[in-house]
Amino acid sequence: MMPNENFVLEVEDLGVSFDGFKAVDGFNFYLTRNSVHVIIGPNGAGKTTVLDLICGKTRATTGSVKFKDKNIRGNREYRIVRQGIGRKFQTPSIYENLTVLENLELSHPKGRGVFSCFFYRRKPDIMQMCLDVAKEIGLEDKLETEGGILSHGQKQWLEIGMLLMQNPEIIMLDEPVAGMSVKEREATSKLIRKICQNRSVIVIEHDMEFVKEIADRVTVMHMGKVLSEGSMETVQSDPKVIEVYIGH
């Protein structure tokens, strides 16, 4: 595919092998700015591994990962985060003994160094950002609540908020509504649609109703490869997808 200035991320011929097994093989993926692109597929299709390759958690053996036209394949994980790609894993990873406000504040890039930790003082601009993000994720009335007391859904939203505090251009979410109630799922759908107004979002998900609510584009994976791609309606009607995924 020819370069497109509307793509914020271009993944081409990406692959990785584990002891001879090709977990991801010749994977191509193009993420449009300010959009939600969902990756679906049966268990073992390679979906989470793709996110691991993009964020640098796993090193690819073939292909390229271009973020804003710069190849970031091989970069260390923390450098990729600093460049503007944030990742949320399946299980919420928050500081359960800290309040919602403290979790958000701690996630801001400023004040993470050794000296900054010793001499850190709350800054009005960072505090305002914490309040804005808390409102965006629906936790503005939980600022003084410890993370461990939050519901499962609220913990997921808090972790998304912690990513937003880093102001990334791309957010990657791995099964964000797993274990959520119907009401929490609906709130998460609205949150993701709100987030993508200013950044791009990659989501891995199995809940097809949720995918319909959030996806601008869908990629279906099978055995480490792209099986089908397009709108939700397009991939749902693809005979190959019905045979290996939806039909089962």
Protein backbone atom coordinates (compact mmCIF):
# COMPACT_ATOMS: atom_id res chain seq x y z
CA MET A 1 0.00 0.00 0.00
CA MET A 2 1.23 3.49 -0.86
CA PRO A 3 2.10 5.86 2.01
CA ASN A 4 -0.90 7.84 3.19
CA GLU A 5 -0.56 10.99 5.31
CA ASN A 6 -3.83 10.05 7.02
CA PHE A 7 -2.20 6.93 8.52
CA VAL A 8 -0.66 7.45 11.95
CA LEU A 9 0.60 3.83 12.08
CA GLU A 10 1.69 1.56 9.21
CA VAL A 11 2.55 -2.05 9.96
CA GLU A 12 3.90 -4.05 7.03
CA ASP A 13 4.98 -7.69 6.68
CA LEU A 14 5.26 -7.97 10.45
CA GLY A 15 6.23 -11.36 11.80
CA VAL A 16 7.62 -13.18 14.81
CA SER A 17 8.47 -16.82 15.47
CA PHE A 18 8.70 -18.71 18.75
CA ASP A 19 10.71 -21.93 18.50
CA GLY A 20 9.84 -22.22 14.82
CA PHE A 21 6.15 -21.43 15.28
CA LYS A 22 5.03 -18.30 13.40
CA ALA A 23 2.77 -16.50 15.88
CA VAL A 24 2.42 -13.53 13.52
CA ASP A 25 3.17 -13.95 9.84
CA GLY A 26 3.21 -11.26 7.15
CA PHE A 27 0.81 -9.03 9.05
CA ASN A 28 -0.22 -5.74 7.41
CA PHE A 29 -2.18 -3.09 9.31
CA TYR A 30 -2.89 0.60 8.69
CA LEU A 31 -4.32 2.83 11.42
CA THR A 32 -6.14 6.00 10.37
CA ARG A 33 -5.91 9.14 12.48
CA ASN A 34 -8.74 9.74 14.96
CA SER A 35 -10.34 6.35 14.42
CA VAL A 36 -11.12 3.12 16.27
CA HIS A 37 -9.67 0.01 14.60
CA VAL A 38 -10.68 -3.29 16.19
CA ILE A 39 -8.76 -6.56 15.78
CA ILE A 40 -10.85 -9.70 16.24
CA GLY A 41 -10.25 -13.40 15.73
CA PRO A 42 -10.32 -16.78 17.48
CA ASN A 43 -8.10 -17.50 20.48
CA GLY A 44 -4.51 -18.04 19.41
CA ALA A 45 -4.90 -15.95 16.25
CA GLY A 46 -2.02 -13.66 17.27
CA LYS A 47 -4.00 -10.55 18.26
CA THR A 48 -2.26 -9.77 21.56
CA THR A 49 1.11 -10.65 20.03
CA VAL A 50 0.55 -7.93 17.43
CA LEU A 51 0.12 -5.37 20.21
CA ASP A 52 3.25 -6.74 21.91
CA LEU A 53 5.19 -6.22 18.66
CA ILE A 54 3.90 -2.69 18.13
CA CYS A 55 4.68 -1.52 21.66
CA GLY A 56 8.10 -3.20 21.79
CA LYS A 57 7.27 -5.79 24.46
CA THR A 58 8.18 -8.48 21.92
CA ARG A 59 10.80 -7.98 19.21
CA ALA A 60 9.67 -8.70 15.66
CA THR A 61 11.76 -10.91 13.39
CA THR A 62 10.45 -9.44 10.12
CA GLY A 63 8.66 -6.37 8.83
CA SER A 64 8.33 -2.74 9.85
CA VAL A 65 6.26 -0.67 12.27
CA LYS A 66 6.07 2.96 11.17
CA PHE A 67 4.67 5.56 13.56
CA LYS A 68 4.24 8.92 11.81
CA ASP A 69 6.55 7.70 9.00
CA LYS A 70 9.36 6.64 11.36
CA ASN A 71 10.21 2.97 11.76
CA ILE A 72 10.01 2.17 15.48
CA ARG A 73 10.59 -1.57 15.16
CA GLY A 74 13.35 -2.54 17.55
CA ASN A 75 12.89 0.50 19.81
CA ARG A 76 12.69 -0.18 23.52
CA GLU A 77 9.27 -0.24 25.14
CA TYR A 78 9.73 2.94 27.19
CA ARG A 79 10.91 4.88 24.12
CA ILE A 80 7.80 3.86 22.19
CA VAL A 81 5.65 5.07 25.10
CA ARG A 82 7.47 8.41 25.09
CA GLN A 83 6.98 8.72 21.35
CA GLY A 84 3.22 8.58 21.84
CA ILE A 85 1.91 5.00 21.90
CA GLY A 86 0.14 3.85 25.08
CA ARG A 87 -0.88 0.30 25.92
CA LYS A 88 -3.46 -1.11 28.31
CA PHE A 89 -3.33 -4.82 29.11
CA GLN A 90 -6.29 -7.10 29.84
CA THR A 91 -5.96 -7.00 33.64
CA PRO A 92 -6.23 -3.52 35.19
CA SER A 93 -2.84 -2.31 36.45
CA ILE A 94 -3.44 0.52 38.90
CA TYR A 95 -2.04 1.52 42.30
CA GLU A 96 -4.77 0.09 44.50
CA ASN A 97 -3.57 1.81 47.69
CA LEU A 98 -3.58 5.25 46.05
CA THR A 99 -6.61 7.40 45.31
CA VAL A 100 -7.98 7.99 41.82
CA LEU A 101 -6.42 11.46 41.86
CA GLU A 102 -3.03 10.12 42.95
CA ASN A 103 -3.12 7.40 40.26
CA LEU A 104 -3.76 10.02 37.59
CA GLU A 105 -1.20 12.46 38.98
CA LEU A 106 1.49 9.79 39.17
CA SER A 107 0.86 8.88 35.51
CA HIS A 108 1.82 12.31 34.22
CA PRO A 109 5.25 12.24 32.49
CA LYS A 110 6.60 15.05 34.71
CA GLY A 111 7.98 14.17 38.10
CA ARG A 112 9.11 10.61 37.30
CA GLY A 113 12.84 11.10 37.69
CA VAL A 114 14.76 10.42 40.91
CA PHE A 115 15.29 14.10 41.75
CA SER A 116 11.74 14.99 40.70
CA CYS A 117 10.38 12.45 43.18
CA PHE A 118 12.31 14.09 46.04
CA PHE A 119 11.36 17.66 45.16
CA TYR A 120 7.93 17.08 43.62
CA ARG A 121 5.24 19.66 44.24
CA ARG A 122 1.73 19.66 42.88
CA LYS A 123 1.40 21.96 39.89
CA PRO A 124 -1.88 23.66 38.97
CA ASP A 125 -1.70 22.65 35.30
CA ILE A 126 -1.17 18.97 36.15
CA MET A 127 -3.94 19.05 38.73
CA GLN A 128 -6.29 20.60 36.19
CA MET A 129 -5.40 17.87 33.71
CA CYS A 130 -6.16 15.25 36.38
CA LEU A 131 -9.59 16.80 36.95
CA ASP A 132 -10.29 16.98 33.21
CA VAL A 133 -9.28 13.34 32.66
CA ALA A 134 -11.27 12.19 35.72
CA LYS A 135 -14.35 13.84 34.25
CA GLU A 136 -13.69 12.28 30.84
CA ILE A 137 -13.51 8.76 32.32
CA GLY A 138 -16.52 9.32 34.58
CA LEU A 139 -14.65 9.25 37.90
CA GLU A 140 -14.80 12.93 38.86
CA ASP A 141 -16.79 12.02 41.99
CA LYS A 142 -14.26 9.30 42.97
CA LEU A 143 -11.11 11.45 43.18
CA GLU A 144 -10.44 10.59 46.84
CA THR A 145 -11.45 6.92 46.52
CA GLU A 146 -8.67 4.34 46.70
CA GLY A 147 -8.17 2.35 43.52
CA GLY A 148 -8.69 -0.99 45.25
CA ILE A 149 -12.26 -0.05 46.24
CA LEU A 150 -13.38 0.72 42.69
CA SER A 151 -15.54 -1.69 40.71
CA HIS A 152 -13.93 -3.73 37.94
CA GLY A 153 -15.24 -1.36 35.28
CA GLN A 154 -14.08 1.72 37.17
CA LYS A 155 -10.59 0.23 37.49
CA GLN A 156 -10.53 -0.25 33.71
CA TRP A 157 -11.60 3.37 33.18
CA LEU A 158 -8.97 4.58 35.64
CA GLU A 159 -6.24 2.77 33.74
CA ILE A 160 -7.48 4.33 30.50
CA GLY A 161 -7.32 7.68 32.31
CA MET A 162 -3.74 6.96 33.35
CA LEU A 163 -2.92 6.49 29.67
CA LEU A 164 -4.69 9.73 28.77
CA MET A 165 -2.50 11.58 31.29
CA GLN A 166 0.46 10.74 29.04
CA ASN A 167 -1.35 12.36 26.09
CA PRO A 168 -0.55 9.57 23.58
CA GLU A 169 -1.47 9.73 19.90
CA ILE A 170 -2.32 6.02 19.86
CA ILE A 171 -3.98 4.01 22.63
CA MET A 172 -4.05 0.20 22.45
CA LEU A 173 -6.67 -1.62 24.54
CA ASP A 174 -6.72 -5.39 25.04
CA GLU A 175 -10.27 -6.67 25.73
CA PRO A 176 -11.35 -3.54 27.65
CA VAL A 177 -14.90 -4.76 28.47
CA ALA A 178 -14.08 -8.29 29.63
CA GLY A 179 -15.92 -8.94 32.89
CA MET A 180 -17.95 -5.74 32.74
CA SER A 181 -21.65 -5.34 33.37
CA VAL A 182 -23.94 -4.22 30.52
CA LYS A 183 -24.08 -0.70 31.95
CA GLU A 184 -20.29 -0.51 32.28
CA ARG A 185 -19.88 -1.80 28.74
CA GLU A 186 -22.16 0.94 27.41
CA ALA A 187 -20.18 3.58 29.30
CA THR A 188 -16.90 2.16 27.94
CA SER A 189 -18.26 2.30 24.40
CA LYS A 190 -19.08 6.00 24.82
CA LEU A 191 -15.66 6.63 26.39
CA ILE A 192 -13.78 5.04 23.49
CA ARG A 193 -15.82 6.97 20.91
CA LYS A 194 -15.01 10.16 22.84
CA ILE A 195 -11.30 9.33 23.07
CA CYS A 196 -10.93 8.78 19.32
CA GLN A 197 -11.95 12.36 18.56
CA ASN A 198 -8.37 13.41 19.38
CA ARG A 199 -6.35 10.24 18.93
CA SER A 200 -6.35 6.80 17.33
CA VAL A 201 -7.40 3.66 19.19
CA ILE A 202 -6.60 -0.01 18.55
CA VAL A 203 -8.87 -2.47 20.37
CA ILE A 204 -8.73 -6.24 20.71
CA GLU A 205 -12.15 -7.61 21.56
CA HIS A 206 -14.38 -10.71 21.38
CA ASP A 207 -17.69 -9.05 22.21
CA MET A 208 -19.24 -8.57 18.76
CA GLU A 209 -22.00 -6.25 19.95
CA PHE A 210 -19.39 -4.00 21.54
CA VAL A 211 -17.30 -4.08 18.35
CA LYS A 212 -20.32 -2.91 16.35
CA GLU A 213 -20.72 0.04 18.71
CA ILE A 214 -17.14 1.32 18.54
CA ALA A 215 -15.40 0.16 15.34
CA ASP A 216 -14.63 2.34 12.34
CA ARG A 217 -12.69 -0.54 10.81
CA VAL A 218 -12.22 -4.21 11.71
CA THR A 219 -9.33 -6.58 11.01
CA VAL A 220 -9.93 -10.31 11.43
CA MET A 221 -6.89 -12.43 12.27
CA HIS A 222 -6.46 -16.18 11.88
CA MET A 223 -3.27 -18.17 12.48
CA GLY A 224 -1.14 -15.03 12.65
CA LYS A 225 -2.38 -13.58 9.36
CA VAL A 226 -5.00 -11.09 8.20
CA LEU A 227 -8.05 -13.08 7.16
CA SER A 228 -10.35 -10.18 6.30
CA GLU A 229 -10.60 -6.43 6.77
CA GLY A 230 -13.20 -3.70 6.35
CA SER A 231 -16.33 -2.45 8.06
CA MET A 232 -18.04 -4.68 10.61
CA GLU A 233 -20.75 -5.45 8.07
CA THR A 234 -18.13 -6.46 5.48
CA VAL A 235 -16.21 -8.88 7.69
CA GLN A 236 -19.38 -10.37 9.19
CA SER A 237 -20.57 -11.37 5.73
CA ASP A 238 -17.18 -12.73 4.60
CA PRO A 239 -17.55 -16.54 4.16
CA LYS A 240 -13.97 -17.09 5.39
CA VAL A 241 -14.68 -15.23 8.62
CA ILE A 242 -17.96 -17.08 9.17
CA GLU A 243 -16.18 -20.40 8.70
CA VAL A 244 -13.23 -19.86 11.07
CA TYR A 245 -14.65 -17.45 13.64
CA ILE A 246 -18.22 -16.17 13.72
CA GLY A 247 -19.77 -19.47 12.64
CA HIS A 248 -18.25 -21.24 15.65
